[in-house]
PDB file of N, CA and C in Angstrom:
ATOM      1  N   MET A   1     -12.183 -10.794  12.354  1.00  0.00           N
ATOM      2  CA  MET A   1     -11.725 -10.065  11.180  1.00  0.00           C
ATOM      3  C   MET A   1     -10.310 -10.517  10.839  1.00  0.00           C
ATOM      4  N   ALA A   2     -10.079 -10.769   9.594  1.00  0.00           N
ATOM      5  CA  ALA A   2      -8.763 -11.235   9.143  1.00  0.00           C
ATOM      6  C   ALA A   2      -7.746 -10.098   9.196  1.00  0.00           C
ATOM      7  N   LYS A   3      -6.522 -10.482   9.513  1.00  0.00           N
ATOM      8  CA  LYS A   3      -5.431  -9.519   9.555  1.00  0.00           C
ATOM      9  C   LYS A   3      -5.107  -9.066   8.133  1.00  0.00           C
ATOM     10  N   LYS A   4      -4.928  -7.770   7.960  1.00  0.00           N
ATOM     11  CA  LYS A   4      -4.564  -7.238   6.653  1.00  0.00           C
ATOM     12  C   LYS A   4      -3.054  -7.071   6.605  1.00  0.00           C
ATOM     13  N   ASN A   5      -2.456  -7.593   5.561  1.00  0.00           N
ATOM     14  CA  ASN A   5      -1.019  -7.432   5.372  1.00  0.00           C
ATOM     15  C   ASN A   5      -0.744  -6.085   4.730  1.00  0.00           C
ATOM     16  N   ILE A   6       0.397  -5.501   5.093  1.00  0.00           N
ATOM     17  CA  ILE A   6       0.784  -4.179   4.631  1.00  0.00           C
ATOM     18  C   ILE A   6       2.117  -4.274   3.888  1.00  0.00           C
ATOM     19  N   PHE A   7       2.218  -3.566   2.762  1.00  0.00           N
ATOM     20  CA  PHE A   7       3.484  -3.506   2.041  1.00  0.00           C
ATOM     21  C   PHE A   7       4.498  -2.699   2.841  1.00  0.00           C
ATOM     22  N   ASN A   8       5.761  -3.141   2.828  1.00  0.00           N
ATOM     23  CA  ASN A   8       6.832  -2.381   3.477  1.00  0.00           C
ATOM     24  C   ASN A   8       7.772  -1.769   2.444  1.00  0.00           C
ATOM     25  N   GLY A   9       7.401  -1.867   1.190  1.00  0.00           N
ATOM     26  CA  GLY A   9       8.209  -1.309   0.106  1.00  0.00           C
ATOM     27  C   GLY A   9       7.382  -1.225  -1.162  1.00  0.00           C
ATOM     28  N   ASN A  10       8.023  -0.836  -2.234  1.00  0.00           N
ATOM     29  CA  ASN A  10       7.328  -0.702  -3.514  1.00  0.00           C
ATOM     30  C   ASN A  10       7.054  -2.072  -4.133  1.00  0.00           C
ATOM     31  N   PHE A  11       5.926  -2.163  -4.830  1.00  0.00           N
ATOM     32  CA  PHE A  11       5.510  -3.414  -5.448  1.00  0.00           C
ATOM     33  C   PHE A  11       4.578  -3.073  -6.598  1.00  0.00           C
ATOM     34  N   SER A  12       4.701  -3.788  -7.682  1.00  0.00           N
ATOM     35  CA  SER A  12       3.829  -3.607  -8.830  1.00  0.00           C
ATOM     36  C   SER A  12       3.143  -4.929  -9.127  1.00  0.00           C
ATOM     37  N   GLY A  13       1.814  -4.917  -9.236  1.00  0.00           N
ATOM     38  CA  GLY A  13       1.099  -6.151  -9.515  1.00  0.00           C
ATOM     39  C   GLY A  13      -0.328  -5.908  -9.963  1.00  0.00           C
ATOM     40  N   CYS A  14      -0.904  -6.911 -10.618  1.00  0.00           N
ATOM     41  CA  CYS A  14      -2.294  -6.860 -11.075  1.00  0.00           C
ATOM     42  C   CYS A  14      -3.174  -7.618 -10.097  1.00  0.00           C
ATOM     43  N   ALA A  15      -4.017  -6.896  -9.406  1.00  0.00           N
ATOM     44  CA  ALA A  15      -4.989  -7.534  -8.526  1.00  0.00           C
ATOM     45  C   ALA A  15      -6.113  -8.115  -9.386  1.00  0.00           C
ATOM     46  N   LYS A  16      -6.912  -8.987  -8.805  1.00  0.00           N
ATOM     47  CA  LYS A  16      -8.001  -9.642  -9.532  1.00  0.00           C
ATOM     48  C   LYS A  16      -8.906  -8.604 -10.189  1.00  0.00           C
ATOM     49  N   GLY A  17      -9.145  -8.806 -11.468  1.00  0.00           N
ATOM     50  CA  GLY A  17     -10.029  -7.923 -12.210  1.00  0.00           C
ATOM     51  C   GLY A  17      -9.325  -6.744 -12.865  1.00  0.00           C
ATOM     52  N   ASP A  18      -8.082  -6.487 -12.495  1.00  0.00           N
ATOM     53  CA  ASP A  18      -7.334  -5.389 -13.102  1.00  0.00           C
ATOM     54  C   ASP A  18      -6.739  -5.823 -14.437  1.00  0.00           C
ATOM     55  N   ILE A  19      -6.624  -4.878 -15.345  1.00  0.00           N
ATOM     56  CA  ILE A  19      -5.997  -5.142 -16.636  1.00  0.00           C
ATOM     57  C   ILE A  19      -4.536  -4.719 -16.592  1.00  0.00           C
ATOM     58  N   TYR A  20      -4.279  -3.600 -15.943  1.00  0.00           N
ATOM     59  CA  TYR A  20      -2.927  -3.058 -15.831  1.00  0.00           C
ATOM     60  C   TYR A  20      -2.436  -3.171 -14.394  1.00  0.00           C
ATOM     61  N   PRO A  21      -1.132  -3.290 -14.194  1.00  0.00           N
ATOM     62  CA  PRO A  21      -0.603  -3.386 -12.834  1.00  0.00           C
ATOM     63  C   PRO A  21      -0.769  -2.073 -12.064  1.00  0.00           C
ATOM     64  N   THR A  22      -0.907  -2.214 -10.773  1.00  0.00           N
ATOM     65  CA  THR A  22      -0.985  -1.076  -9.862  1.00  0.00           C
ATOM     66  C   THR A  22       0.357  -0.941  -9.168  1.00  0.00           C
ATOM     67  N   GLN A  23       0.791   0.294  -8.964  1.00  0.00           N
ATOM     68  CA  GLN A  23       2.026   0.553  -8.229  1.00  0.00           C
ATOM     69  C   GLN A  23       1.655   0.729  -6.755  1.00  0.00           C
ATOM     70  N   TYR A  24       2.071  -0.195  -5.926  1.00  0.00           N
ATOM     71  CA  TYR A  24       1.823  -0.123  -4.489  1.00  0.00           C
ATOM     72  C   TYR A  24       3.069   0.417  -3.807  1.00  0.00           C
ATOM     73  N   VAL A  25       2.876   1.136  -2.702  1.00  0.00           N
ATOM     74  CA  VAL A  25       4.003   1.669  -1.934  1.00  0.00           C
ATOM     75  C   VAL A  25       3.853   1.253  -0.479  1.00  0.00           C
ATOM     76  N   ALA A  26       4.903   1.477   0.286  1.00  0.00           N
ATOM     77  CA  ALA A  26       4.877   1.135   1.714  1.00  0.00           C
ATOM     78  C   ALA A  26       3.659   1.774   2.378  1.00  0.00           C
ATOM     79  N   GLY A  27       2.925   0.966   3.121  1.00  0.00           N
ATOM     80  CA  GLY A  27       1.730   1.437   3.816  1.00  0.00           C
ATOM     81  C   GLY A  27       0.439   1.035   3.139  1.00  0.00           C
ATOM     82  N   ASP A  28       0.498   0.603   1.884  1.00  0.00           N
ATOM     83  CA  ASP A  28      -0.702   0.131   1.192  1.00  0.00           C
ATOM     84  C   ASP A  28      -1.043  -1.284   1.661  1.00  0.00           C
ATOM     85  N   VAL A  29      -2.327  -1.606   1.627  1.00  0.00           N
ATOM     86  CA  VAL A  29      -2.792  -2.948   1.989  1.00  0.00           C
ATOM     87  C   VAL A  29      -2.502  -3.897   0.831  1.00  0.00           C
ATOM     88  N   VAL A  30      -2.010  -5.094   1.157  1.00  0.00           N
ATOM     89  CA  VAL A  30      -1.703  -6.111   0.156  1.00  0.00           C
ATOM     90  C   VAL A  30      -2.995  -6.829  -0.249  1.00  0.00           C
ATOM     91  N   PRO A  31      -3.387  -6.776  -1.531  1.00  0.00           N
ATOM     92  CA  PRO A  31      -4.560  -7.542  -1.957  1.00  0.00           C
ATOM     93  C   PRO A  31      -4.304  -9.043  -1.758  1.00  0.00           C
ATOM     94  N   ASN A  32      -5.337  -9.774  -1.380  1.00  0.00           N
ATOM     95  CA  ASN A  32      -5.205 -11.212  -1.097  1.00  0.00           C
ATOM     96  C   ASN A  32      -4.530 -11.975  -2.227  1.00  0.00           C
ATOM     97  N   GLU A  33      -4.892 -11.666  -3.470  1.00  0.00           N
ATOM     98  CA  GLU A  33      -4.361 -12.409  -4.598  1.00  0.00           C
ATOM     99  C   GLU A  33      -2.894 -12.097  -4.890  1.00  0.00           C
ATOM    100  N   LEU A  34      -2.332 -11.074  -4.254  1.00  0.00           N
ATOM    101  CA  LEU A  34      -0.928 -10.731  -4.462  1.00  0.00           C
ATOM    102  C   LEU A  34      -0.046 -11.098  -3.263  1.00  0.00           C
ATOM    103  N   GLU A  35      -0.649 -11.693  -2.229  1.00  0.00           N
ATOM    104  CA  GLU A  35       0.102 -12.010  -1.016  1.00  0.00           C
ATOM    105  C   GLU A  35       1.274 -12.955  -1.263  1.00  0.00           C
ATOM    106  N   ALA A  36       1.083 -14.004  -2.026  1.00  0.00           N
ATOM    107  CA  ALA A  36       2.155 -14.976  -2.253  1.00  0.00           C
ATOM    108  C   ALA A  36       3.348 -14.320  -2.945  1.00  0.00           C
ATOM    109  N   ALA A  37       3.078 -13.507  -3.955  1.00  0.00           N
ATOM    110  CA  ALA A  37       4.162 -12.821  -4.664  1.00  0.00           C
ATOM    111  C   ALA A  37       4.858 -11.819  -3.755  1.00  0.00           C
ATOM    112  N   ALA A  38       4.083 -11.087  -2.964  1.00  0.00           N
ATOM    113  CA  ALA A  38       4.664 -10.102  -2.049  1.00  0.00           C
ATOM    114  C   ALA A  38       5.513 -10.787  -0.974  1.00  0.00           C
ATOM    115  N   GLU A  39       5.048 -11.926  -0.486  1.00  0.00           N
ATOM    116  CA  GLU A  39       5.827 -12.682   0.495  1.00  0.00           C
ATOM    117  C   GLU A  39       7.136 -13.165  -0.126  1.00  0.00           C
ATOM    118  N   ALA A  40       7.072 -13.655  -1.348  1.00  0.00           N
ATOM    119  CA  ALA A  40       8.267 -14.161  -2.025  1.00  0.00           C
ATOM    120  C   ALA A  40       9.306 -13.052  -2.206  1.00  0.00           C
ATOM    121  N   LEU A  41       8.845 -11.838  -2.420  1.00  0.00           N
ATOM    122  CA  LEU A  41       9.744 -10.701  -2.610  1.00  0.00           C
ATOM    123  C   LEU A  41      10.057  -9.974  -1.300  1.00  0.00           C
ATOM    124  N   GLU A  42       9.507 -10.496  -0.204  1.00  0.00           N
ATOM    125  CA  GLU A  42       9.733  -9.947   1.142  1.00  0.00           C
ATOM    126  C   GLU A  42       9.353  -8.474   1.253  1.00  0.00           C
ATOM    127  N   VAL A  43       8.192  -8.116   0.697  1.00  0.00           N
ATOM    128  CA  VAL A  43       7.710  -6.746   0.807  1.00  0.00           C
ATOM    129  C   VAL A  43       6.442  -6.645   1.654  1.00  0.00           C
ATOM    130  N   ILE A  44       6.236  -7.639   2.532  1.00  0.00           N
ATOM    131  CA  ILE A  44       5.138  -7.585   3.503  1.00  0.00           C
ATOM    132  C   ILE A  44       5.752  -7.327   4.871  1.00  0.00           C
ATOM    133  N   GLU A  45       5.211  -6.313   5.562  1.00  0.00           N
ATOM    134  CA  GLU A  45       5.706  -5.995   6.906  1.00  0.00           C
ATOM    135  C   GLU A  45       5.145  -7.014   7.891  1.00  0.00           C
ATOM    136  N   THR A  46       6.037  -7.656   8.650  1.00  0.00           N
ATOM    137  CA  THR A  46       5.607  -8.686   9.599  1.00  0.00           C
ATOM    138  C   THR A  46       5.460  -8.149  11.015  1.00  0.00           C
ATOM    139  N   ASP A  47       6.044  -7.002  11.316  1.00  0.00           N
ATOM    140  CA  ASP A  47       5.948  -6.396  12.641  1.00  0.00           C
ATOM    141  C   ASP A  47       4.707  -5.500  12.691  1.00  0.00           C
ATOM    142  N   ALA A  48       3.772  -5.795  13.603  1.00  0.00           N
ATOM    143  CA  ALA A  48       2.497  -5.073  13.669  1.00  0.00           C
ATOM    144  C   ALA A  48       2.683  -3.582  13.922  1.00  0.00           C
ATOM    145  N   LYS A  49       3.608  -3.212  14.795  1.00  0.00           N
ATOM    146  CA  LYS A  49       3.818  -1.790  15.099  1.00  0.00           C
ATOM    147  C   LYS A  49       4.396  -1.051  13.905  1.00  0.00           C
ATOM    148  N   LYS A  50       5.322  -1.685  13.202  1.00  0.00           N
ATOM    149  CA  LYS A  50       5.894  -1.064  12.006  1.00  0.00           C
ATOM    150  C   LYS A  50       4.829  -0.935  10.923  1.00  0.00           C
ATOM    151  N   ALA A  51       3.978  -1.952  10.801  1.00  0.00           N
ATOM    152  CA  ALA A  51       2.907  -1.904   9.802  1.00  0.00           C
ATOM    153  C   ALA A  51       1.953  -0.752  10.095  1.00  0.00           C
ATOM    154  N   GLU A  52       1.616  -0.564  11.360  1.00  0.00           N
ATOM    155  CA  GLU A  52       0.730   0.535  11.751  1.00  0.00           C
ATOM    156  C   GLU A  52       1.370   1.890  11.419  1.00  0.00           C
ATOM    157  N   ALA A  53       2.659   2.016  11.689  1.00  0.00           N
ATOM    158  CA  ALA A  53       3.369   3.259  11.375  1.00  0.00           C
ATOM    159  C   ALA A  53       3.393   3.516   9.869  1.00  0.00           C
ATOM    160  N   LEU A  54       3.579   2.464   9.072  1.00  0.00           N
ATOM    161  CA  LEU A  54       3.572   2.614   7.618  1.00  0.00           C
ATOM    162  C   LEU A  54       2.214   3.082   7.112  1.00  0.00           C
ATOM    163  N   VAL A  55       1.145   2.533   7.683  1.00  0.00           N
ATOM    164  CA  VAL A  55      -0.204   2.919   7.277  1.00  0.00           C
ATOM    165  C   VAL A  55      -0.449   4.394   7.604  1.00  0.00           C
ATOM    166  N   LYS A  56      -0.021   4.822   8.786  1.00  0.00           N
ATOM    167  CA  LYS A  56      -0.203   6.229   9.177  1.00  0.00           C
ATOM    168  C   LYS A  56       0.598   7.157   8.261  1.00  0.00           C
ATOM    169  N   ALA A  57       1.827   6.774   7.949  1.00  0.00           N
ATOM    170  CA  ALA A  57       2.659   7.596   7.067  1.00  0.00           C
ATOM    171  C   ALA A  57       2.039   7.686   5.678  1.00  0.00           C
ATOM    172  N   ARG A  58       1.507   6.578   5.195  1.00  0.00           N
ATOM    173  CA  ARG A  58       0.876   6.560   3.869  1.00  0.00           C
ATOM    174  C   ARG A  58      -0.362   7.445   3.859  1.00  0.00           C
ATOM    175  N   ALA A  59      -1.144   7.412   4.933  1.00  0.00           N
ATOM    176  CA  ALA A  59      -2.339   8.254   5.027  1.00  0.00           C
ATOM    177  C   ALA A  59      -1.943   9.733   4.980  1.00  0.00           C
ATOM    178  N   LYS A  60      -0.847  10.085   5.626  1.00  0.00           N
ATOM    179  CA  LYS A  60      -0.366  11.478   5.590  1.00  0.00           C
ATOM    180  C   LYS A  60       0.049  11.868   4.179  1.00  0.00           C
ATOM    181  N   GLN A  61       0.729  10.947   3.462  1.00  0.00           N
ATOM    182  CA  GLN A  61       1.133  11.225   2.078  1.00  0.00           C
ATOM    183  C   GLN A  61      -0.078  11.494   1.199  1.00  0.00           C
ATOM    184  N   ILE A  62      -1.100  10.675   1.362  1.00  0.00           N
ATOM    185  CA  ILE A  62      -2.314  10.817   0.555  1.00  0.00           C
ATOM    186  C   ILE A  62      -3.014  12.131   0.879  1.00  0.00           C
ATOM    187  N   ALA A  63      -3.114  12.467   2.168  1.00  0.00           N
ATOM    188  CA  ALA A  63      -3.754  13.715   2.578  1.00  0.00           C
ATOM    189  C   ALA A  63      -3.000  14.924   2.022  1.00  0.00           C
ATOM    190  N   LYS A  64      -1.675  14.864   2.055  1.00  0.00           N
ATOM    191  CA  LYS A  64      -0.862  15.965   1.527  1.00  0.00           C
ATOM    192  C   LYS A  64      -1.082  16.119   0.024  1.00  0.00           C
ATOM    193  N   ALA A  65      -1.092  14.999  -0.700  1.00  0.00           N
ATOM    194  CA  ALA A  65      -1.309  15.047  -2.145  1.00  0.00           C
ATOM    195  C   ALA A  65      -2.702  15.583  -2.473  1.00  0.00           C
ATOM    196  N   ASP A  66      -3.700  15.179  -1.696  1.00  0.00           N
ATOM    197  CA  ASP A  66      -5.070  15.662  -1.912  1.00  0.00           C
ATOM    198  C   ASP A  66      -5.137  17.161  -1.678  1.00  0.00           C
ATOM    199  N   LYS A  67      -4.465  17.655  -0.636  1.00  0.00           N
ATOM    200  CA  LYS A  67      -4.465  19.087  -0.333  1.00  0.00           C
ATOM    201  C   LYS A  67      -3.770  19.858  -1.441  1.00  0.00           C
ATOM    202  N   GLU A  68      -2.639  19.357  -1.912  1.00  0.00           N
ATOM    203  CA  GLU A  68      -1.922  20.042  -2.998  1.00  0.00           C
ATOM    204  C   GLU A  68      -2.761  20.087  -4.261  1.00  0.00           C
ATOM    205  N   GLU A  69      -3.485  19.015  -4.531  1.00  0.00           N
ATOM    206  CA  GLU A  69      -4.352  18.975  -5.715  1.00  0.00           C
ATOM    207  C   GLU A  69      -5.494  19.983  -5.576  1.00  0.00           C
ATOM    208  N   ALA A  70      -6.071  20.050  -4.382  1.00  0.00           N
ATOM    209  CA  ALA A  70      -7.175  20.998  -4.146  1.00  0.00           C
ATOM    210  C   ALA A  70      -6.676  22.435  -4.259  1.00  0.00           C
ATOM    211  N   ASP A  71      -5.467  22.695  -3.739  1.00  0.00           N
ATOM    212  CA  ASP A  71      -4.890  24.035  -3.820  1.00  0.00           C
ATOM    213  C   ASP A  71      -4.606  24.418  -5.265  1.00  0.00           C
ATOM    214  N   ALA A  72      -4.181  23.463  -6.071  1.00  0.00           N
ATOM    215  CA  ALA A  72      -3.885  23.727  -7.478  1.00  0.00           C
ATOM    216  C   ALA A  72      -5.153  24.029  -8.261  1.00  0.00           C
ATOM    217  N   ASP A  73      -6.278  23.488  -7.816  1.00  0.00           N
ATOM    218  CA  ASP A  73      -7.556  23.714  -8.502  1.00  0.00           C
ATOM    219  C   ASP A  73      -8.122  25.109  -8.230  1.00  0.00           C
ATOM    220  N   GLU A  74      -7.626  25.756  -7.199  1.00  0.00           N
ATOM    221  CA  GLU A  74      -8.176  27.087  -6.836  1.00  0.00           C
ATOM    222  C   GLU A  74      -7.647  28.175  -7.694  1.00  0.00           C
TER     223      GLU A  74
END
């Protein structure tokens, strides 16, 4: 399985097939077609442990936002 690169900061880009750019944040997976640009801007985490921590933090952010949205719907 290929290693997935992780953003270590904010990045905006159009992945293949997208019409509008997506706003990526630390912890998001870098799409293959955006790797060169992300590397040039130094927003790819190269340390595996830091990348894992970023992914976990991002998952917590998403879970919190989902919970707040569900609570607002009640």
